């Protein structure tokens, strides 16, 4: 009995040591500038580089988004106010003609993520922002249409 307890105690200590050693470091949170620098030179799929798209939302707002020739930036111009913002963009191809597009709008402190489907001409996305530094995020969804203008 004493021998069994000794073996069990030794195994418990061994497992505890192994668990502590295997505990991974916490994830590293990147700032927007670090993220932009870390993007590959061709973050935008070749078929969108340098292209401008018209975005029209069911809410009535919208604008144009131009994917930069550098393959890393997006310039958005709001249709209602003419406000223009350029920021790093990340585009993931979901399948042929469908892309997940994410960028920031520094003027409104928003992060915009959209699924842009050029096969059907539909767009659906979320706008996440805080109204104050200590406020909870507000998430707004929009849907509408998207098409290439050039």
Protein backbone atom coordinates (compact mmCIF):
# COMPACT_ATOMS: atom_id res chain seq x y z
CA UNK A 1 0.00 0.00 0.00
CA UNK A 2 2.80 2.44 0.92
CA UNK A 3 4.58 1.61 -2.30
CA UNK A 4 1.44 2.34 -4.36
CA UNK A 5 0.99 5.71 -2.65
CA UNK A 6 4.63 6.55 -3.36
CA UNK A 7 4.24 5.71 -7.05
CA UNK A 8 1.00 7.72 -7.27
CA UNK A 9 2.66 10.71 -5.55
CA UNK A 10 5.67 10.50 -7.89
CA UNK A 11 3.39 10.36 -10.95
CA UNK A 12 1.37 13.35 -9.69
CA UNK A 13 4.53 15.44 -9.25
CA UNK A 14 5.77 14.39 -12.70
CA UNK A 15 2.46 15.37 -14.31
CA UNK A 16 2.43 18.73 -12.53
CA UNK A 17 5.98 19.51 -13.70
CA UNK A 18 5.14 18.49 -17.28
CA UNK A 19 1.98 20.62 -17.25
CA UNK A 20 3.87 23.71 -16.09
CA UNK A 21 6.55 23.23 -18.73
CA UNK A 22 3.97 22.73 -21.49
CA UNK A 23 1.95 25.85 -20.61
CA UNK A 24 2.28 28.12 -23.67
CA UNK A 25 3.01 31.81 -23.43
CA UNK A 26 0.00 34.13 -23.73
CA UNK A 27 -0.79 35.34 -27.25
CA UNK A 28 0.90 38.51 -28.42
CA UNK A 29 -1.53 41.31 -29.24
CA UNK A 30 -0.42 43.35 -32.22
CA UNK A 31 -1.06 47.02 -32.63
CA UNK A 32 -2.53 48.12 -35.98
CA UNK A 33 0.86 49.42 -37.10
CA UNK A 34 2.57 46.14 -36.27
CA UNK A 35 -0.12 44.26 -38.16
CA UNK A 36 0.31 46.43 -41.24
CA UNK A 37 4.06 45.94 -41.24
CA UNK A 38 3.63 42.20 -40.83
CA UNK A 39 1.39 41.78 -43.85
CA UNK A 40 2.77 40.16 -46.93
CA UNK A 41 3.49 42.48 -49.89
CA UNK A 42 0.52 41.02 -51.76
CA UNK A 43 -2.16 40.95 -49.07
CA UNK A 44 -4.78 41.88 -51.66
CA UNK A 45 -5.58 39.17 -54.24
CA UNK A 46 -4.23 40.08 -57.67
CA UNK A 47 -7.71 40.40 -59.19
CA UNK A 48 -8.53 43.29 -56.78
CA UNK A 49 -5.21 45.20 -56.73
CA UNK A 50 -5.80 48.73 -58.01
CA UNK A 51 -9.55 48.16 -58.47
CA UNK A 52 -12.34 50.40 -57.19
CA UNK A 53 -15.63 48.98 -55.96
CA UNK A 54 -18.96 50.67 -55.29
CA UNK A 55 -20.53 49.72 -51.97
CA UNK A 56 -24.22 50.52 -51.42
CA UNK A 57 -25.87 49.54 -48.15
CA UNK A 58 -29.53 48.85 -47.50
CA UNK A 59 -29.34 51.57 -44.81
CA UNK A 60 -28.76 54.10 -47.59
CA UNK A 61 -25.12 54.83 -46.89
CA UNK A 62 -22.16 53.60 -48.89
CA UNK A 63 -19.19 54.75 -50.86
CA UNK A 64 -16.27 53.58 -52.92
CA UNK A 65 -13.36 51.43 -51.81
CA UNK A 66 -10.16 51.40 -53.83
CA UNK A 67 -7.72 48.56 -53.25
CA UNK A 68 -4.23 50.04 -53.38
CA UNK A 69 -1.75 49.24 -56.09
CA UNK A 70 0.72 48.41 -53.31
CA UNK A 71 -1.40 45.38 -52.41
CA UNK A 72 -1.69 46.49 -48.78
CA UNK A 73 -4.02 49.49 -48.45
CA UNK A 74 -7.64 50.41 -49.01
CA UNK A 75 -9.00 53.93 -49.52
CA UNK A 76 -12.66 54.42 -48.65
CA UNK A 77 -14.64 57.51 -49.71
CA UNK A 78 -18.04 57.93 -48.04
CA UNK A 79 -20.77 58.77 -50.54
CA UNK A 80 -22.76 60.96 -48.15
CA UNK A 81 -19.94 63.19 -46.84
CA UNK A 82 -17.00 62.68 -49.18
CA UNK A 83 -14.88 61.75 -46.13
CA UNK A 84 -11.80 59.85 -47.27
CA UNK A 85 -9.75 57.42 -45.20
CA UNK A 86 -6.85 55.17 -46.17
CA UNK A 87 -5.70 52.28 -44.03
CA UNK A 88 -4.09 48.86 -44.11
CA UNK A 89 -6.40 46.16 -45.42
CA UNK A 90 -6.44 42.40 -45.18
CA UNK A 91 -8.26 40.36 -47.81
CA UNK A 92 -8.87 36.63 -47.56
CA UNK A 93 -10.24 34.71 -50.51
CA UNK A 94 -13.14 32.53 -49.34
CA UNK A 95 -13.67 31.03 -52.77
CA UNK A 96 -13.60 32.24 -56.34
CA UNK A 97 -15.14 35.73 -56.43
CA UNK A 98 -15.87 35.90 -52.67
CA UNK A 99 -13.59 37.76 -50.27
CA UNK A 100 -13.45 38.62 -46.58
CA UNK A 101 -12.22 42.24 -46.48
CA UNK A 102 -11.16 43.88 -43.19
CA UNK A 103 -9.88 47.42 -42.63
CA UNK A 104 -9.97 50.21 -40.07
CA UNK A 105 -11.57 53.62 -40.35
CA UNK A 106 -9.53 55.91 -38.12
CA UNK A 107 -11.99 58.79 -38.49
CA UNK A 108 -14.73 56.76 -36.77
CA UNK A 109 -12.46 54.39 -34.79
CA UNK A 110 -14.21 51.47 -36.49
CA UNK A 111 -13.05 48.07 -37.66
CA UNK A 112 -14.98 46.99 -40.74
CA UNK A 113 -15.19 43.36 -41.86
CA UNK A 114 -17.17 42.45 -44.94
CA UNK A 115 -17.86 39.43 -47.06
CA UNK A 116 -17.87 40.84 -50.59
CA UNK A 117 -19.41 38.45 -53.12
CA UNK A 118 -18.66 39.61 -56.65
CA UNK A 119 -20.55 36.67 -58.17
CA UNK A 120 -23.90 37.77 -56.69
CA UNK A 121 -23.10 41.46 -56.14
CA UNK A 122 -23.92 41.23 -52.43
CA UNK A 123 -22.00 42.50 -49.41
CA UNK A 124 -22.60 41.76 -45.74
CA UNK A 125 -20.46 43.13 -42.95
CA UNK A 126 -19.95 44.36 -39.42
CA UNK A 127 -18.70 47.67 -38.04
CA UNK A 128 -17.18 47.40 -34.55
CA UNK A 129 -16.35 50.51 -32.54
CA UNK A 130 -16.30 52.03 -29.08
CA UNK A 131 -18.08 55.29 -28.32
CA UNK A 132 -15.56 55.96 -25.53
CA UNK A 133 -12.25 54.31 -24.52
CA UNK A 134 -13.86 52.55 -21.55
CA UNK A 135 -17.14 51.69 -23.33
CA UNK A 136 -18.11 48.27 -24.61
CA UNK A 137 -17.82 47.64 -28.33
CA UNK A 138 -20.85 48.47 -30.46
CA UNK A 139 -21.31 46.07 -33.35
CA UNK A 140 -23.48 47.08 -36.27
CA UNK A 141 -24.31 44.88 -39.25
CA UNK A 142 -25.03 46.08 -42.77
CA UNK A 143 -25.87 44.39 -46.01
CA UNK A 144 -26.17 45.71 -49.53
CA UNK A 145 -24.52 45.51 -52.93
CA UNK A 146 -20.95 45.57 -54.22
CA UNK A 147 -19.63 45.81 -57.78
CA UNK A 148 -16.42 46.71 -59.54
CA UNK A 149 -16.47 50.15 -61.14
CA UNK A 150 -13.39 49.63 -63.32
